[in-house]
Amino acid sequence: MSLTTILIIILILILLGVIPAWPHSRAWGYGPSGIVGVILVVLLILVLLGRV
């Protein structure tokens, strides 16, 4: 598998993990989704620069 495929799989798993649908994650607030947003921005910049 290429690096891009691995990054996409990890990103999808992270996105599923931050959805506050389960009782254990309801009290987490905006922290996990903010981290995912930062990861998305970094990946978008890397894709636009052609590094990934």
PDB file of N, CA and C in Angstrom:
ATOM      1  N   MET A   1       0.837  -1.185   0.000  1.00  0.00           N
ATOM      2  CA  MET A   1       0.000   0.000   0.000  1.00  0.00           C
ATOM      3  C   MET A   1       0.880   1.247   0.000  1.00  0.00           C
ATOM      4  N   SER A   2       0.374   2.260  -0.630  1.00  0.00           N
ATOM      5  CA  SER A   2       1.126   3.511  -0.674  1.00  0.00           C
ATOM      6  C   SER A   2       0.853   4.334   0.583  1.00  0.00           C
ATOM      7  N   LEU A   3       1.658   5.342   0.792  1.00  0.00           N
ATOM      8  CA  LEU A   3       1.521   6.211   1.955  1.00  0.00           C
ATOM      9  C   LEU A   3       0.185   6.940   1.947  1.00  0.00           C
ATOM     10  N   THR A   4      -0.276   7.340   0.780  1.00  0.00           N
ATOM     11  CA  THR A   4      -1.545   8.050   0.676  1.00  0.00           C
ATOM     12  C   THR A   4      -2.700   7.169   1.117  1.00  0.00           C
ATOM     13  N   THR A   5      -2.697   5.915   0.719  1.00  0.00           N
ATOM     14  CA  THR A   5      -3.767   4.994   1.107  1.00  0.00           C
ATOM     15  C   THR A   5      -3.775   4.782   2.615  1.00  0.00           C
ATOM     16  N   ILE A   6      -2.609   4.633   3.202  1.00  0.00           N
ATOM     17  CA  ILE A   6      -2.528   4.454   4.648  1.00  0.00           C
ATOM     18  C   ILE A   6      -3.021   5.692   5.377  1.00  0.00           C
ATOM     19  N   LEU A   7      -2.661   6.878   4.891  1.00  0.00           N
ATOM     20  CA  LEU A   7      -3.127   8.120   5.512  1.00  0.00           C
ATOM     21  C   LEU A   7      -4.637   8.266   5.412  1.00  0.00           C
ATOM     22  N   ILE A   8      -5.214   7.890   4.293  1.00  0.00           N
ATOM     23  CA  ILE A   8      -6.667   7.984   4.127  1.00  0.00           C
ATOM     24  C   ILE A   8      -7.369   7.027   5.080  1.00  0.00           C
ATOM     25  N   ILE A   9      -6.864   5.818   5.229  1.00  0.00           N
ATOM     26  CA  ILE A   9      -7.472   4.849   6.139  1.00  0.00           C
ATOM     27  C   ILE A   9      -7.395   5.340   7.580  1.00  0.00           C
ATOM     28  N   ILE A  10      -6.240   5.861   7.979  1.00  0.00           N
ATOM     29  CA  ILE A  10      -6.086   6.381   9.335  1.00  0.00           C
ATOM     30  C   ILE A  10      -7.007   7.566   9.560  1.00  0.00           C
ATOM     31  N   LEU A  11      -7.125   8.451   8.590  1.00  0.00           N
ATOM     32  CA  LEU A  11      -7.981   9.615   8.717  1.00  0.00           C
ATOM     33  C   LEU A  11      -9.440   9.211   8.862  1.00  0.00           C
ATOM     34  N   ILE A  12      -9.890   8.218   8.107  1.00  0.00           N
ATOM     35  CA  ILE A  12     -11.270   7.742   8.216  1.00  0.00           C
ATOM     36  C   ILE A  12     -11.514   7.150   9.602  1.00  0.00           C
ATOM     37  N   LEU A  13     -10.569   6.397  10.127  1.00  0.00           N
ATOM     38  CA  LEU A  13     -10.719   5.835  11.468  1.00  0.00           C
ATOM     39  C   LEU A  13     -10.766   6.926  12.530  1.00  0.00           C
ATOM     40  N   ILE A  14      -9.943   7.964  12.360  1.00  0.00           N
ATOM     41  CA  ILE A  14      -9.969   9.076  13.311  1.00  0.00           C
ATOM     42  C   ILE A  14     -11.300   9.815  13.240  1.00  0.00           C
ATOM     43  N   LEU A  15     -11.799  10.032  12.024  1.00  0.00           N
ATOM     44  CA  LEU A  15     -13.084  10.716  11.872  1.00  0.00           C
ATOM     45  C   LEU A  15     -14.213   9.930  12.522  1.00  0.00           C
ATOM     46  N   LEU A  16     -14.188   8.618  12.404  1.00  0.00           N
ATOM     47  CA  LEU A  16     -15.202   7.800  13.063  1.00  0.00           C
ATOM     48  C   LEU A  16     -15.052   7.836  14.578  1.00  0.00           C
ATOM     49  N   GLY A  17     -13.840   7.964  15.056  1.00  0.00           N
ATOM     50  CA  GLY A  17     -13.598   7.975  16.493  1.00  0.00           C
ATOM     51  C   GLY A  17     -14.006   9.256  17.193  1.00  0.00           C
ATOM     52  N   VAL A  18     -14.074  10.372  16.476  1.00  0.00           N
ATOM     53  CA  VAL A  18     -14.401  11.641  17.136  1.00  0.00           C
ATOM     54  C   VAL A  18     -15.881  11.978  17.076  1.00  0.00           C
ATOM     55  N   ILE A  19     -16.670  11.157  16.415  1.00  0.00           N
ATOM     56  CA  ILE A  19     -18.113  11.408  16.386  1.00  0.00           C
ATOM     57  C   ILE A  19     -18.671  11.144  17.782  1.00  0.00           C
ATOM     58  N   PRO A  20     -19.297  12.150  18.399  1.00  0.00           N
ATOM     59  CA  PRO A  20     -19.777  11.969  19.782  1.00  0.00           C
ATOM     60  C   PRO A  20     -21.085  11.182  19.848  1.00  0.00           C
ATOM     61  N   ALA A  21     -21.083   9.980  19.318  1.00  0.00           N
ATOM     62  CA  ALA A  21     -22.298   9.169  19.308  1.00  0.00           C
ATOM     63  C   ALA A  21     -22.291   8.127  20.423  1.00  0.00           C
ATOM     64  N   TRP A  22     -21.136   7.894  21.023  1.00  0.00           N
ATOM     65  CA  TRP A  22     -21.041   6.884  22.068  1.00  0.00           C
ATOM     66  C   TRP A  22     -20.924   7.572  23.412  1.00  0.00           C
ATOM     67  N   PRO A  23     -21.472   6.959  24.451  1.00  0.00           N
ATOM     68  CA  PRO A  23     -21.487   7.610  25.779  1.00  0.00           C
ATOM     69  C   PRO A  23     -20.090   7.989  26.295  1.00  0.00           C
ATOM     70  N   HIS A  24     -19.082   7.211  25.985  1.00  0.00           N
ATOM     71  CA  HIS A  24     -17.749   7.511  26.515  1.00  0.00           C
ATOM     72  C   HIS A  24     -17.115   8.737  25.864  1.00  0.00           C
ATOM     73  N   SER A  25     -17.629   9.186  24.724  1.00  0.00           N
ATOM     74  CA  SER A  25     -17.001  10.314  24.043  1.00  0.00           C
ATOM     75  C   SER A  25     -17.852  11.582  24.036  1.00  0.00           C
ATOM     76  N   ARG A  26     -18.982  11.568  24.690  1.00  0.00           N
ATOM     77  CA  ARG A  26     -19.852  12.752  24.684  1.00  0.00           C
ATOM     78  C   ARG A  26     -19.246  13.928  25.447  1.00  0.00           C
ATOM     79  N   ALA A  27     -18.481  13.670  26.480  1.00  0.00           N
ATOM     80  CA  ALA A  27     -17.944  14.743  27.321  1.00  0.00           C
ATOM     81  C   ALA A  27     -16.613  15.287  26.800  1.00  0.00           C
ATOM     82  N   TRP A  28     -16.128  14.804  25.685  1.00  0.00           N
ATOM     83  CA  TRP A  28     -14.829  15.233  25.187  1.00  0.00           C
ATOM     84  C   TRP A  28     -14.865  16.644  24.605  1.00  0.00           C
ATOM     85  N   GLY A  29     -16.019  17.108  24.180  1.00  0.00           N
ATOM     86  CA  GLY A  29     -16.140  18.447  23.622  1.00  0.00           C
ATOM     87  C   GLY A  29     -15.551  18.556  22.228  1.00  0.00           C
ATOM     88  N   TYR A  30     -14.954  19.719  21.935  1.00  0.00           N
ATOM     89  CA  TYR A  30     -14.438  19.995  20.592  1.00  0.00           C
ATOM     90  C   TYR A  30     -12.988  19.572  20.398  1.00  0.00           C
ATOM     91  N   GLY A  31     -12.351  19.031  21.400  1.00  0.00           N
ATOM     92  CA  GLY A  31     -10.942  18.666  21.314  1.00  0.00           C
ATOM     93  C   GLY A  31     -10.613  17.711  20.184  1.00  0.00           C
ATOM     94  N   PRO A  32     -11.234  16.540  20.151  1.00  0.00           N
ATOM     95  CA  PRO A  32     -10.898  15.584  19.086  1.00  0.00           C
ATOM     96  C   PRO A  32     -11.211  16.095  17.681  1.00  0.00           C
ATOM     97  N   SER A  33     -12.335  16.779  17.515  1.00  0.00           N
ATOM     98  CA  SER A  33     -12.658  17.275  16.176  1.00  0.00           C
ATOM     99  C   SER A  33     -11.727  18.412  15.773  1.00  0.00           C
ATOM    100  N   GLY A  34     -11.227  19.177  16.740  1.00  0.00           N
ATOM    101  CA  GLY A  34     -10.244  20.219  16.431  1.00  0.00           C
ATOM    102  C   GLY A  34      -8.925  19.626  15.970  1.00  0.00           C
ATOM    103  N   ILE A  35      -8.530  18.529  16.611  1.00  0.00           N
ATOM    104  CA  ILE A  35      -7.300  17.848  16.215  1.00  0.00           C
ATOM    105  C   ILE A  35      -7.441  17.276  14.818  1.00  0.00           C
ATOM    106  N   VAL A  36      -8.602  16.688  14.528  1.00  0.00           N
ATOM    107  CA  VAL A  36      -8.848  16.145  13.189  1.00  0.00           C
ATOM    108  C   VAL A  36      -8.841  17.264  12.156  1.00  0.00           C
ATOM    109  N   GLY A  37      -9.373  18.433  12.505  1.00  0.00           N
ATOM    110  CA  GLY A  37      -9.349  19.569  11.594  1.00  0.00           C
ATOM    111  C   GLY A  37      -7.931  20.011  11.273  1.00  0.00           C
ATOM    112  N   VAL A  38      -7.078  20.032  12.276  1.00  0.00           N
ATOM    113  CA  VAL A  38      -5.676  20.397  12.055  1.00  0.00           C
ATOM    114  C   VAL A  38      -4.991  19.367  11.154  1.00  0.00           C
ATOM    115  N   ILE A  39      -5.266  18.082  11.399  1.00  0.00           N
ATOM    116  CA  ILE A  39      -4.691  17.031  10.557  1.00  0.00           C
ATOM    117  C   ILE A  39      -5.166  17.178   9.114  1.00  0.00           C
ATOM    118  N   LEU A  40      -6.448  17.484   8.931  1.00  0.00           N
ATOM    119  CA  LEU A  40      -6.975  17.681   7.580  1.00  0.00           C
ATOM    120  C   LEU A  40      -6.308  18.851   6.874  1.00  0.00           C
ATOM    121  N   VAL A  41      -6.100  19.955   7.593  1.00  0.00           N
ATOM    122  CA  VAL A  41      -5.454  21.117   6.990  1.00  0.00           C
ATOM    123  C   VAL A  41      -4.016  20.791   6.597  1.00  0.00           C
ATOM    124  N   VAL A  42      -3.291  20.104   7.473  1.00  0.00           N
ATOM    125  CA  VAL A  42      -1.902  19.735   7.167  1.00  0.00           C
ATOM    126  C   VAL A  42      -1.856  18.812   5.951  1.00  0.00           C
ATOM    127  N   LEU A  43      -2.743  17.812   5.908  1.00  0.00           N
ATOM    128  CA  LEU A  43      -2.777  16.912   4.760  1.00  0.00           C
ATOM    129  C   LEU A  43      -3.146  17.637   3.475  1.00  0.00           C
ATOM    130  N   LEU A  44      -4.072  18.577   3.557  1.00  0.00           N
ATOM    131  CA  LEU A  44      -4.459  19.360   2.376  1.00  0.00           C
ATOM    132  C   LEU A  44      -3.282  20.180   1.872  1.00  0.00           C
ATOM    133  N   ILE A  45      -2.540  20.799   2.768  1.00  0.00           N
ATOM    134  CA  ILE A  45      -1.364  21.569   2.357  1.00  0.00           C
ATOM    135  C   ILE A  45      -0.319  20.659   1.721  1.00  0.00           C
ATOM    136  N   LEU A  46      -0.097  19.481   2.320  1.00  0.00           N
ATOM    137  CA  LEU A  46       0.878  18.553   1.751  1.00  0.00           C
ATOM    138  C   LEU A  46       0.459  18.066   0.368  1.00  0.00           C
ATOM    139  N   VAL A  47      -0.834  17.826   0.186  1.00  0.00           N
ATOM    140  CA  VAL A  47      -1.311  17.391  -1.131  1.00  0.00           C
ATOM    141  C   VAL A  47      -1.152  18.504  -2.157  1.00  0.00           C
ATOM    142  N   LEU A  48      -1.472  19.738  -1.751  1.00  0.00           N
ATOM    143  CA  LEU A  48      -1.344  20.853  -2.681  1.00  0.00           C
ATOM    144  C   LEU A  48       0.120  21.132  -3.042  1.00  0.00           C
ATOM    145  N   LEU A  49       1.029  20.871  -2.129  1.00  0.00           N
ATOM    146  CA  LEU A  49       2.447  21.069  -2.411  1.00  0.00           C
ATOM    147  C   LEU A  49       3.068  19.887  -3.138  1.00  0.00           C
ATOM    148  N   GLY A  50       2.316  18.793  -3.238  1.00  0.00           N
ATOM    149  CA  GLY A  50       2.805  17.620  -3.948  1.00  0.00           C
ATOM    150  C   GLY A  50       3.732  16.744  -3.112  1.00  0.00           C
ATOM    151  N   ARG A  51       3.675  16.866  -1.810  1.00  0.00           N
ATOM    152  CA  ARG A  51       4.551  16.080  -0.945  1.00  0.00           C
ATOM    153  C   ARG A  51       3.976  14.705  -0.635  1.00  0.00           C
ATOM    154  N   VAL A  52       2.674  14.538  -0.783  1.00  0.00           N
ATOM    155  CA  VAL A  52       2.030  13.245  -0.480  1.00  0.00           C
ATOM    156  C   VAL A  52       1.564  12.624  -1.773  1.00  0.00           C
TER     157      VAL A  52
END
